[in-house]
Amino acid sequence: MFLEIITPDKKIYSGNVKSVRLPGADGSFGVLNNHAAIISSLKKGKISLVDDKSESQSFDINGGVAEVLNNNIIVLAE
């Protein structure tokens, strides 16, 4: 899957990932390869990911929106 995390100032992550955990407005949720299409609002929290080299990273956000479509994830974060 390809993930982009974009803030109003800059792109903070762009790359292939194995999994992503997002802080959804109604609770956190995970995204794996071939996930169903979804658009979700995000609350303040942490985005956690495992990249294609099995290394973990995380980013704190203050909310935003995530779109998952055809193994592409775009997060517009505050």
Protein backbone atom coordinates (compact mmCIF):
# COMPACT_ATOMS: atom_id res chain seq x y z
CA MET A 1 0.00 0.00 0.00
CA PHE A 2 1.10 3.56 -0.56
CA LEU A 3 0.64 6.10 2.25
CA GLU A 4 0.86 9.89 2.16
CA ILE A 5 0.48 12.03 5.28
CA ILE A 6 0.05 15.68 4.40
CA THR A 7 -0.26 18.71 6.70
CA PRO A 8 -1.05 22.28 5.64
CA ASP A 9 2.70 23.02 5.85
CA LYS A 10 4.33 19.99 4.27
CA LYS A 11 4.22 16.30 3.39
CA ILE A 12 5.43 14.45 6.49
CA TYR A 13 5.41 10.91 5.09
CA SER A 14 5.24 9.30 1.68
CA GLY A 15 6.02 5.65 1.02
CA ASN A 16 4.97 2.02 0.90
CA VAL A 17 3.63 0.47 4.10
CA LYS A 18 2.46 -2.93 5.34
CA SER A 19 -0.06 -1.57 7.84
CA VAL A 20 -1.38 1.68 9.29
CA ARG A 21 -3.32 2.44 12.49
CA LEU A 22 -5.34 5.66 12.45
CA PRO A 23 -7.19 7.52 15.25
CA GLY A 24 -10.69 7.58 13.77
CA ALA A 25 -13.34 9.89 15.20
CA ASP A 26 -15.33 6.84 16.40
CA GLY A 27 -12.28 4.86 17.51
CA SER A 28 -8.93 3.80 16.11
CA PHE A 29 -8.82 1.46 13.14
CA GLY A 30 -6.22 -0.40 11.14
CA VAL A 31 -5.68 -0.59 7.40
CA LEU A 32 -4.03 -3.55 5.67
CA ASN A 33 -3.47 -4.36 2.00
CA ASN A 34 -6.68 -4.61 -0.08
CA HIS A 35 -8.75 -2.78 2.55
CA ALA A 36 -12.25 -1.71 1.52
CA ALA A 37 -12.63 1.89 0.37
CA ILE A 38 -13.29 4.27 3.25
CA ILE A 39 -13.27 7.96 4.12
CA SER A 40 -13.01 8.79 7.82
CA SER A 41 -12.57 11.86 9.97
CA LEU A 42 -9.69 11.61 12.41
CA LYS A 43 -9.37 12.88 15.97
CA LYS A 44 -6.29 13.97 17.87
CA GLY A 45 -4.01 10.99 18.31
CA LYS A 46 -1.20 8.97 16.83
CA ILE A 47 -0.79 7.48 13.35
CA SER A 48 1.27 4.31 13.62
CA LEU A 49 2.66 2.49 10.62
CA VAL A 50 4.87 -0.41 9.67
CA ASP A 51 6.78 0.31 6.47
CA ASP A 52 7.77 -2.19 3.79
CA LYS A 53 11.06 -2.82 5.63
CA SER A 54 9.09 -3.81 8.80
CA GLU A 55 10.22 -0.66 10.64
CA SER A 56 7.66 1.12 12.84
CA GLN A 57 7.06 4.86 12.83
CA SER A 58 4.45 7.10 14.41
CA PHE A 59 3.21 10.66 13.97
CA ASP A 60 1.07 12.78 16.31
CA ILE A 61 -1.83 14.61 14.70
CA ASN A 62 -4.52 17.01 15.95
CA GLY A 63 -7.24 15.60 13.67
CA GLY A 64 -7.91 15.41 9.96
CA VAL A 65 -9.37 13.18 7.26
CA ALA A 66 -8.21 9.85 5.80
CA GLU A 67 -9.14 8.27 2.47
CA VAL A 68 -8.39 4.64 1.62
CA LEU A 69 -8.92 3.65 -2.02
CA ASN A 70 -7.25 1.00 -4.19
CA ASN A 71 -4.33 0.41 -1.77
CA ASN A 72 -3.63 4.16 -1.58
CA ILE A 73 -4.06 5.99 1.72
CA ILE A 74 -4.11 9.77 1.87
CA VAL A 75 -4.20 11.45 5.27
CA LEU A 76 -4.85 15.19 5.42
CA ALA A 77 -3.75 15.98 8.96
CA GLU A 78 -3.76 19.02 11.19
